[in-house]
């Protein structure tokens, strides 16, 4: 699998893709991404991409011995940088 060194977009992502850090996903908003990493691996593997995690996606949290890192960047956090002129 390919290891990435840049900030990714949602169009770049694929299940099973490896990334070096969750920081690679910092430009992706309002999408859940679940990352997995085995104890002997340096990279994270993308295991889930979606808008909602619900009962149907419970499999996304089964770790089977892997570290799990859910990532969700909320676009409303960006609104703090917007200035309204009065």
Protein backbone atom coordinates (compact mmCIF):
# COMPACT_ATOMS: atom_id res chain seq x y z
CA UNK A 1 0.00 0.00 0.00
CA UNK A 2 1.07 3.55 -0.67
CA UNK A 3 2.26 5.73 2.18
CA UNK A 4 1.29 9.41 1.91
CA UNK A 5 3.21 12.48 3.01
CA UNK A 6 0.71 15.24 2.17
CA UNK A 7 -2.64 16.57 3.32
CA UNK A 8 -5.29 14.47 1.63
CA UNK A 9 -8.73 15.29 0.23
CA UNK A 10 -11.81 13.08 0.48
CA UNK A 11 -11.29 12.08 -3.17
CA UNK A 12 -7.83 10.70 -2.34
CA UNK A 13 -9.13 8.26 0.28
CA UNK A 14 -9.72 4.54 -0.21
CA UNK A 15 -10.45 1.76 2.27
CA UNK A 16 -7.19 -0.11 2.94
CA UNK A 17 -5.02 2.89 2.10
CA UNK A 18 -2.13 3.53 4.48
CA UNK A 19 -1.25 6.94 5.89
CA UNK A 20 1.56 7.96 8.21
CA UNK A 21 -0.45 10.26 10.49
CA UNK A 22 -4.01 11.37 11.19
CA UNK A 23 -2.69 14.88 10.46
CA UNK A 24 -2.76 13.86 6.77
CA UNK A 25 -6.57 14.05 7.12
CA UNK A 26 -6.77 17.55 8.60
CA UNK A 27 -8.24 19.07 5.41
CA UNK A 28 -11.22 16.67 5.36
CA UNK A 29 -14.36 17.87 7.15
CA UNK A 30 -17.68 16.35 8.22
CA UNK A 31 -16.66 12.78 7.38
CA UNK A 32 -15.89 9.97 9.80
CA UNK A 33 -12.66 8.13 9.08
CA UNK A 34 -11.66 5.16 11.22
CA UNK A 35 -7.97 4.30 11.23
CA UNK A 36 -6.42 1.01 12.36
CA UNK A 37 -2.82 0.21 13.22
CA UNK A 38 -1.33 -3.12 14.20
CA UNK A 39 1.19 -3.05 17.05
CA UNK A 40 4.06 -3.80 14.67
CA UNK A 41 3.13 -1.19 12.03
CA UNK A 42 4.30 2.43 11.72
CA UNK A 43 1.39 3.43 9.47
CA UNK A 44 -2.36 3.72 9.93
CA UNK A 45 -4.76 1.90 7.59
CA UNK A 46 -8.10 3.45 6.62
CA UNK A 47 -10.86 1.03 7.59
CA UNK A 48 -13.98 3.18 7.33
CA UNK A 49 -15.04 6.35 5.50
CA UNK A 50 -18.54 7.72 5.95
CA UNK A 51 -20.85 10.46 7.14
CA UNK A 52 -22.35 8.55 10.07
CA UNK A 53 -21.29 5.78 12.37
CA UNK A 54 -24.35 3.88 13.52
CA UNK A 55 -25.39 0.37 14.51
CA UNK A 56 -24.72 -0.90 10.99
CA UNK A 57 -21.13 0.29 11.26
CA UNK A 58 -20.34 -1.27 14.63
CA UNK A 59 -17.74 -3.39 12.84
CA UNK A 60 -15.69 -0.21 12.44
CA UNK A 61 -14.93 -0.30 16.17
CA UNK A 62 -14.00 -3.97 16.53
CA UNK A 63 -10.27 -3.80 17.09
CA UNK A 64 -9.08 -7.42 16.87
CA UNK A 65 -5.83 -6.36 18.56
CA UNK A 66 -5.36 -3.19 16.50
CA UNK A 67 -5.15 0.38 17.75
CA UNK A 68 -8.20 2.36 16.58
CA UNK A 69 -8.27 6.08 15.88
CA UNK A 70 -11.57 7.69 14.87
CA UNK A 71 -11.08 10.99 13.01
CA UNK A 72 -13.77 13.63 12.51
CA UNK A 73 -12.97 17.24 11.67
CA UNK A 74 -16.09 19.36 12.17
CA UNK A 75 -16.49 22.19 9.64
CA UNK A 76 -18.26 24.31 12.26
CA UNK A 77 -14.89 24.67 13.97
CA UNK A 78 -13.79 26.73 10.97
CA UNK A 79 -16.50 29.30 11.66
CA UNK A 80 -14.43 30.71 14.50
CA UNK A 81 -12.17 32.25 11.87
CA UNK A 82 -15.00 34.17 10.17
CA UNK A 83 -15.44 37.85 11.02
CA UNK A 84 -18.81 39.54 10.56
CA UNK A 85 -18.67 43.21 9.65
CA UNK A 86 -21.23 45.39 11.34
